Amino acid sequence: MKNDDFPLRVVFSGNRMEAEILKGALEANGIPSMIKDESLSTVTSPYLMAGGTAKLLVHPDDEEDARSLIG
């Protein structure tokens, strides 16, 4: 991720598994991203994939390209 004062933008919100797949697609296309997982399952097991919401975040400069890639 670029290091500056701009807040990251949410380009996807849904289950963790979908977020991981989309993260891989973005990064394969040169768009750095990160997942913010708001479920307790990540505390107990990152592979549980149960409940909660995961958000896929990108730098504001990459938002338009990310949205066009993930549809």
PDB file of N, CA and C in Angstrom:
ATOM      1  N   MET A   1       0.837  -1.186   0.000  1.00  0.00           N
ATOM      2  CA  MET A   1       0.000   0.000   0.000  1.00  0.00           C
ATOM      3  C   MET A   1       0.879   1.247   0.000  1.00  0.00           C
ATOM      4  N   LYS A   2       0.385   2.269  -0.610  1.00  0.00           N
ATOM      5  CA  LYS A   2       1.081   3.544  -0.615  1.00  0.00           C
ATOM      6  C   LYS A   2       0.940   4.166   0.771  1.00  0.00           C
ATOM      7  N   ASN A   3       1.986   4.802   1.232  1.00  0.00           N
ATOM      8  CA  ASN A   3       1.972   5.354   2.583  1.00  0.00           C
ATOM      9  C   ASN A   3       1.740   6.860   2.518  1.00  0.00           C
ATOM     10  N   ASP A   4       0.518   7.285   2.766  1.00  0.00           N
ATOM     11  CA  ASP A   4       0.195   8.705   2.804  1.00  0.00           C
ATOM     12  C   ASP A   4      -1.014   8.924   3.693  1.00  0.00           C
ATOM     13  N   ASP A   5      -1.580  10.107   3.634  1.00  0.00           N
ATOM     14  CA  ASP A   5      -2.658  10.468   4.554  1.00  0.00           C
ATOM     15  C   ASP A   5      -4.062  10.183   4.041  1.00  0.00           C
ATOM     16  N   PHE A   6      -4.216   9.504   2.914  1.00  0.00           N
ATOM     17  CA  PHE A   6      -5.537   9.239   2.366  1.00  0.00           C
ATOM     18  C   PHE A   6      -6.133   7.989   3.000  1.00  0.00           C
ATOM     19  N   PRO A   7      -7.396   8.065   3.419  1.00  0.00           N
ATOM     20  CA  PRO A   7      -8.027   6.858   3.969  1.00  0.00           C
ATOM     21  C   PRO A   7      -8.265   5.828   2.863  1.00  0.00           C
ATOM     22  N   LEU A   8      -8.188   4.581   3.232  1.00  0.00           N
ATOM     23  CA  LEU A   8      -8.440   3.510   2.268  1.00  0.00           C
ATOM     24  C   LEU A   8      -9.918   3.487   1.899  1.00  0.00           C
ATOM     25  N   ARG A   9     -10.231   2.960   0.737  1.00  0.00           N
ATOM     26  CA  ARG A   9     -11.607   2.900   0.247  1.00  0.00           C
ATOM     27  C   ARG A   9     -12.093   1.466   0.215  1.00  0.00           C
ATOM     28  N   VAL A  10     -13.324   1.262   0.622  1.00  0.00           N
ATOM     29  CA  VAL A  10     -13.955  -0.058   0.588  1.00  0.00           C
ATOM     30  C   VAL A  10     -14.477  -0.301  -0.826  1.00  0.00           C
ATOM     31  N   VAL A  11     -14.010  -1.382  -1.459  1.00  0.00           N
ATOM     32  CA  VAL A  11     -14.487  -1.712  -2.808  1.00  0.00           C
ATOM     33  C   VAL A  11     -15.329  -2.981  -2.814  1.00  0.00           C
ATOM     34  N   PHE A  12     -15.364  -3.681  -1.672  1.00  0.00           N
ATOM     35  CA  PHE A  12     -16.198  -4.872  -1.536  1.00  0.00           C
ATOM     36  C   PHE A  12     -16.488  -5.080  -0.063  1.00  0.00           C
ATOM     37  N   SER A  13     -17.700  -5.512   0.227  1.00  0.00           N
ATOM     38  CA  SER A  13     -18.086  -5.882   1.578  1.00  0.00           C
ATOM     39  C   SER A  13     -18.920  -7.143   1.476  1.00  0.00           C
ATOM     40  N   GLY A  14     -18.497  -8.192   2.157  1.00  0.00           N
ATOM     41  CA  GLY A  14     -19.206  -9.466   2.095  1.00  0.00           C
ATOM     42  C   GLY A  14     -18.483 -10.516   2.908  1.00  0.00           C
ATOM     43  N   ASN A  15     -18.596 -11.779   2.478  1.00  0.00           N
ATOM     44  CA  ASN A  15     -17.958 -12.819   3.271  1.00  0.00           C
ATOM     45  C   ASN A  15     -16.457 -12.895   3.000  1.00  0.00           C
ATOM     46  N   ARG A  16     -15.741 -13.460   3.948  1.00  0.00           N
ATOM     47  CA  ARG A  16     -14.275 -13.492   3.922  1.00  0.00           C
ATOM     48  C   ARG A  16     -13.746 -14.237   2.695  1.00  0.00           C
ATOM     49  N   MET A  17     -14.365 -15.334   2.328  1.00  0.00           N
ATOM     50  CA  MET A  17     -13.872 -16.123   1.218  1.00  0.00           C
ATOM     51  C   MET A  17     -13.927 -15.320  -0.089  1.00  0.00           C
ATOM     52  N   GLU A  18     -15.040 -14.649  -0.334  1.00  0.00           N
ATOM     53  CA  GLU A  18     -15.151 -13.813  -1.539  1.00  0.00           C
ATOM     54  C   GLU A  18     -14.118 -12.692  -1.519  1.00  0.00           C
ATOM     55  N   ALA A  19     -13.929 -12.090  -0.352  1.00  0.00           N
ATOM     56  CA  ALA A  19     -12.948 -11.007  -0.225  1.00  0.00           C
ATOM     57  C   ALA A  19     -11.543 -11.505  -0.557  1.00  0.00           C
ATOM     58  N   GLU A  20     -11.197 -12.706  -0.108  1.00  0.00           N
ATOM     59  CA  GLU A  20      -9.874 -13.275  -0.391  1.00  0.00           C
ATOM     60  C   GLU A  20      -9.688 -13.520  -1.885  1.00  0.00           C
ATOM     61  N   ILE A  21     -10.718 -14.018  -2.543  1.00  0.00           N
ATOM     62  CA  ILE A  21     -10.648 -14.270  -3.990  1.00  0.00           C
ATOM     63  C   ILE A  21     -10.467 -12.957  -4.745  1.00  0.00           C
ATOM     64  N   LEU A  22     -11.248 -11.960  -4.383  1.00  0.00           N
ATOM     65  CA  LEU A  22     -11.145 -10.661  -5.047  1.00  0.00           C
ATOM     66  C   LEU A  22      -9.807  -9.986  -4.762  1.00  0.00           C
ATOM     67  N   LYS A  23      -9.300 -10.146  -3.556  1.00  0.00           N
ATOM     68  CA  LYS A  23      -7.988  -9.595  -3.203  1.00  0.00           C
ATOM     69  C   LYS A  23      -6.918 -10.184  -4.113  1.00  0.00           C
ATOM     70  N   GLY A  24      -6.977 -11.483  -4.335  1.00  0.00           N
ATOM     71  CA  GLY A  24      -6.026 -12.128  -5.228  1.00  0.00           C
ATOM     72  C   GLY A  24      -6.125 -11.607  -6.650  1.00  0.00           C
ATOM     73  N   ALA A  25      -7.348 -11.370  -7.119  1.00  0.00           N
ATOM     74  CA  ALA A  25      -7.555 -10.846  -8.471  1.00  0.00           C
ATOM     75  C   ALA A  25      -6.999  -9.430  -8.594  1.00  0.00           C
ATOM     76  N   LEU A  26      -7.237  -8.608  -7.583  1.00  0.00           N
ATOM     77  CA  LEU A  26      -6.717  -7.242  -7.624  1.00  0.00           C
ATOM     78  C   LEU A  26      -5.199  -7.241  -7.633  1.00  0.00           C
ATOM     79  N   GLU A  27      -4.601  -8.018  -6.748  1.00  0.00           N
ATOM     80  CA  GLU A  27      -3.153  -8.033  -6.642  1.00  0.00           C
ATOM     81  C   GLU A  27      -2.496  -8.636  -7.880  1.00  0.00           C
ATOM     82  N   ALA A  28      -3.171  -9.576  -8.529  1.00  0.00           N
ATOM     83  CA  ALA A  28      -2.662 -10.142  -9.778  1.00  0.00           C
ATOM     84  C   ALA A  28      -2.642  -9.085 -10.885  1.00  0.00           C
ATOM     85  N   ASN A  29      -3.456  -8.053 -10.715  1.00  0.00           N
ATOM     86  CA  ASN A  29      -3.519  -6.962 -11.682  1.00  0.00           C
ATOM     87  C   ASN A  29      -2.789  -5.712 -11.191  1.00  0.00           C
ATOM     88  N   GLY A  30      -1.923  -5.875 -10.205  1.00  0.00           N
ATOM     89  CA  GLY A  30      -1.086  -4.776  -9.734  1.00  0.00           C
ATOM     90  C   GLY A  30      -1.751  -3.785  -8.808  1.00  0.00           C
ATOM     91  N   ILE A  31      -2.876  -4.167  -8.206  1.00  0.00           N
ATOM     92  CA  ILE A  31      -3.572  -3.274  -7.283  1.00  0.00           C
ATOM     93  C   ILE A  31      -3.421  -3.824  -5.859  1.00  0.00           C
ATOM     94  N   PRO A  32      -2.592  -3.184  -5.046  1.00  0.00           N
ATOM     95  CA  PRO A  32      -2.438  -3.636  -3.658  1.00  0.00           C
ATOM     96  C   PRO A  32      -3.759  -3.480  -2.907  1.00  0.00           C
ATOM     97  N   SER A  33      -4.047  -4.414  -2.036  1.00  0.00           N
ATOM     98  CA  SER A  33      -5.292  -4.350  -1.266  1.00  0.00           C
ATOM     99  C   SER A  33      -5.094  -5.031   0.070  1.00  0.00           C
ATOM    100  N   MET A  34      -6.049  -4.816   0.946  1.00  0.00           N
ATOM    101  CA  MET A  34      -6.037  -5.496   2.241  1.00  0.00           C
ATOM    102  C   MET A  34      -7.468  -5.784   2.661  1.00  0.00           C
ATOM    103  N   ILE A  35      -7.589  -6.760   3.546  1.00  0.00           N
ATOM    104  CA  ILE A  35      -8.904  -7.155   4.043  1.00  0.00           C
ATOM    105  C   ILE A  35      -9.025  -6.760   5.503  1.00  0.00           C
ATOM    106  N   LYS A  36     -10.120  -6.102   5.814  1.00  0.00           N
ATOM    107  CA  LYS A  36     -10.474  -5.813   7.197  1.00  0.00           C
ATOM    108  C   LYS A  36     -11.632  -6.738   7.525  1.00  0.00           C
ATOM    109  N   ASP A  37     -11.403  -7.640   8.440  1.00  0.00           N
ATOM    110  CA  ASP A  37     -12.420  -8.623   8.797  1.00  0.00           C
ATOM    111  C   ASP A  37     -13.047  -8.212  10.112  1.00  0.00           C
ATOM    112  N   GLU A  38     -14.348  -8.028  10.094  1.00  0.00           N
ATOM    113  CA  GLU A  38     -15.050  -7.555  11.284  1.00  0.00           C
ATOM    114  C   GLU A  38     -15.759  -8.676  12.030  1.00  0.00           C
ATOM    115  N   SER A  39     -15.303  -9.909  11.832  1.00  0.00           N
ATOM    116  CA  SER A  39     -15.939 -11.018  12.534  1.00  0.00           C
ATOM    117  C   SER A  39     -15.016 -11.565  13.609  1.00  0.00           C
ATOM    118  N   LEU A  40     -15.595 -12.126  14.618  1.00  0.00           N
ATOM    119  CA  LEU A  40     -14.832 -12.742  15.693  1.00  0.00           C
ATOM    120  C   LEU A  40     -14.106 -13.988  15.218  1.00  0.00           C
ATOM    121  N   SER A  41     -14.533 -14.554  14.110  1.00  0.00           N
ATOM    122  CA  SER A  41     -13.926 -15.793  13.625  1.00  0.00           C
ATOM    123  C   SER A  41     -12.445 -15.630  13.335  1.00  0.00           C
ATOM    124  N   THR A  42     -11.987 -14.419  12.999  1.00  0.00           N
ATOM    125  CA  THR A  42     -10.577 -14.237  12.712  1.00  0.00           C
ATOM    126  C   THR A  42      -9.741 -14.311  13.976  1.00  0.00           C
ATOM    127  N   VAL A  43     -10.363 -14.072  15.116  1.00  0.00           N
ATOM    128  CA  VAL A  43      -9.645 -14.194  16.374  1.00  0.00           C
ATOM    129  C   VAL A  43      -9.451 -15.672  16.706  1.00  0.00           C
ATOM    130  N   THR A  44     -10.460 -16.462  16.454  1.00  0.00           N
ATOM    131  CA  THR A  44     -10.381 -17.876  16.791  1.00  0.00           C
ATOM    132  C   THR A  44      -9.732 -18.703  15.687  1.00  0.00           C
ATOM    133  N   SER A  45     -10.021 -18.389  14.441  1.00  0.00           N
ATOM    134  CA  SER A  45      -9.425 -19.102  13.324  1.00  0.00           C
ATOM    135  C   SER A  45      -9.631 -18.324  12.032  1.00  0.00           C
ATOM    136  N   PRO A  46      -8.546 -17.958  11.348  1.00  0.00           N
ATOM    137  CA  PRO A  46      -8.714 -17.216  10.093  1.00  0.00           C
ATOM    138  C   PRO A  46      -9.301 -18.069   8.978  1.00  0.00           C
ATOM    139  N   TYR A  47      -9.398 -19.369   9.174  1.00  0.00           N
ATOM    140  CA  TYR A  47      -9.910 -20.259   8.136  1.00  0.00           C
ATOM    141  C   TYR A  47     -11.346 -20.682   8.371  1.00  0.00           C
ATOM    142  N   LEU A  48     -11.956 -20.199   9.446  1.00  0.00           N
ATOM    143  CA  LEU A  48     -13.317 -20.592   9.782  1.00  0.00           C
ATOM    144  C   LEU A  48     -14.328 -20.048   8.765  1.00  0.00           C
ATOM    145  N   MET A  49     -14.132 -18.824   8.286  1.00  0.00           N
ATOM    146  CA  MET A  49     -14.975 -18.198   7.273  1.00  0.00           C
ATOM    147  C   MET A  49     -16.449 -18.092   7.679  1.00  0.00           C
ATOM    148  N   ALA A  50     -16.730 -18.093   8.943  1.00  0.00           N
ATOM    149  CA  ALA A  50     -18.119 -18.083   9.381  1.00  0.00           C
ATOM    150  C   ALA A  50     -18.510 -16.716   9.907  1.00  0.00           C
ATOM    151  N   GLY A  51     -19.666 -16.244   9.497  1.00  0.00           N
ATOM    152  CA  GLY A  51     -20.239 -15.029  10.041  1.00  0.00           C
ATOM    153  C   GLY A  51     -19.425 -13.784   9.752  1.00  0.00           C
ATOM    154  N   GLY A  52     -19.929 -12.661  10.227  1.00  0.00           N
ATOM    155  CA  GLY A  52     -19.216 -11.411  10.109  1.00  0.00           C
ATOM    156  C   GLY A  52     -19.129 -10.874   8.698  1.00  0.00           C
ATOM    157  N   THR A  53     -18.485  -9.746   8.584  1.00  0.00           N
ATOM    158  CA  THR A  53     -18.329  -9.094   7.298  1.00  0.00           C
ATOM    159  C   THR A  53     -16.866  -8.774   7.077  1.00  0.00           C
ATOM    160  N   ALA A  54     -16.380  -9.058   5.884  1.00  0.00           N
ATOM    161  CA  ALA A  54     -15.025  -8.686   5.500  1.00  0.00           C
ATOM    162  C   ALA A  54     -15.122  -7.551   4.495  1.00  0.00           C
ATOM    163  N   LYS A  55     -14.226  -6.583   4.640  1.00  0.00           N
ATOM    164  CA  LYS A  55     -14.186  -5.456   3.713  1.00  0.00           C
ATOM    165  C   LYS A  55     -12.852  -5.466   2.990  1.00  0.00           C
ATOM    166  N   LEU A  56     -12.914  -5.290   1.679  1.00  0.00           N
ATOM    167  CA  LEU A  56     -11.724  -5.232   0.847  1.00  0.00           C
ATOM    168  C   LEU A  56     -11.394  -3.765   0.613  1.00  0.00           C
ATOM    169  N   LEU A  57     -10.185  -3.366   0.988  1.00  0.00           N
ATOM    170  CA  LEU A  57      -9.778  -1.971   0.966  1.00  0.00           C
ATOM    171  C   LEU A  57      -8.659  -1.726  -0.035  1.00  0.00           C
ATOM    172  N   VAL A  58      -8.717  -0.581  -0.699  1.00  0.00           N
ATOM    173  CA  VAL A  58      -7.663  -0.175  -1.626  1.00  0.00           C
ATOM    174  C   VAL A  58      -7.349   1.301  -1.410  1.00  0.00           C
ATOM    175  N   HIS A  59      -6.218   1.727  -1.941  1.00  0.00           N
ATOM    176  CA  HIS A  59      -5.835   3.134  -1.911  1.00  0.00           C
ATOM    177  C   HIS A  59      -6.798   3.909  -2.813  1.00  0.00           C
ATOM    178  N   PRO A  60      -7.130   5.156  -2.466  1.00  0.00           N
ATOM    179  CA  PRO A  60      -8.057   5.939  -3.294  1.00  0.00           C
ATOM    180  C   PRO A  60      -7.646   6.039  -4.765  1.00  0.00           C
ATOM    181  N   ASP A  61      -6.346   6.097  -5.040  1.00  0.00           N
ATOM    182  CA  ASP A  61      -5.883   6.180  -6.430  1.00  0.00           C
ATOM    183  C   ASP A  61      -6.217   4.919  -7.229  1.00  0.00           C
ATOM    184  N   ASP A  62      -6.415   3.807  -6.533  1.00  0.00           N
ATOM    185  CA  ASP A  62      -6.692   2.528  -7.190  1.00  0.00           C
ATOM    186  C   ASP A  62      -8.169   2.158  -7.198  1.00  0.00           C
ATOM    187  N   GLU A  63      -8.998   2.976  -6.565  1.00  0.00           N
ATOM    188  CA  GLU A  63     -10.409   2.622  -6.382  1.00  0.00           C
ATOM    189  C   GLU A  63     -11.141   2.378  -7.703  1.00  0.00           C
ATOM    190  N   GLU A  64     -11.006   3.263  -8.653  1.00  0.00           N
ATOM    191  CA  GLU A  64     -11.727   3.128  -9.922  1.00  0.00           C
ATOM    192  C   GLU A  64     -11.316   1.854 -10.664  1.00  0.00           C
ATOM    193  N   ASP A  65     -10.009   1.595 -10.727  1.00  0.00           N
ATOM    194  CA  ASP A  65      -9.541   0.372 -11.399  1.00  0.00           C
ATOM    195  C   ASP A  65     -10.002  -0.882 -10.662  1.00  0.00           C
ATOM    196  N   ALA A  66      -9.967  -0.828  -9.340  1.00  0.00           N
ATOM    197  CA  ALA A  66     -10.402  -1.986  -8.550  1.00  0.00           C
ATOM    198  C   ALA A  66     -11.877  -2.276  -8.787  1.00  0.00           C
ATOM    199  N   ARG A  67     -12.689  -1.250  -8.768  1.00  0.00           N
ATOM    200  CA  ARG A  67     -14.133  -1.451  -8.985  1.00  0.00           C
ATOM    201  C   ARG A  67     -14.414  -1.998 -10.381  1.00  0.00           C
ATOM    202  N   SER A  68     -13.674  -1.541 -11.376  1.00  0.00           N
ATOM    203  CA  SER A  68     -13.915  -2.053 -12.726  1.00  0.00           C
ATOM    204  C   SER A  68     -13.480  -3.513 -12.861  1.00  0.00           C
ATOM    205  N   LEU A  69     -12.458  -3.921 -12.109  1.00  0.00           N
ATOM    206  CA  LEU A  69     -12.009  -5.315 -12.151  1.00  0.00           C
ATOM    207  C   LEU A  69     -12.966  -6.269 -11.437  1.00  0.00           C
ATOM    208  N   ILE A  70     -13.488  -5.831 -10.298  1.00  0.00           N
ATOM    209  CA  ILE A  70     -14.329  -6.755  -9.530  1.00  0.00           C
ATOM    210  C   ILE A  70     -15.795  -6.659  -9.913  1.00  0.00           C
ATOM    211  N   GLY A  71     -16.119  -5.677 -10.725  1.00  0.00           N
ATOM    212  CA  GLY A  71     -17.477  -5.570 -11.264  1.00  0.00           C
ATOM    213  C   GLY A  71     -18.436  -5.093 -10.273  1.00  0.00           C
TER     214      GLY A  71
END
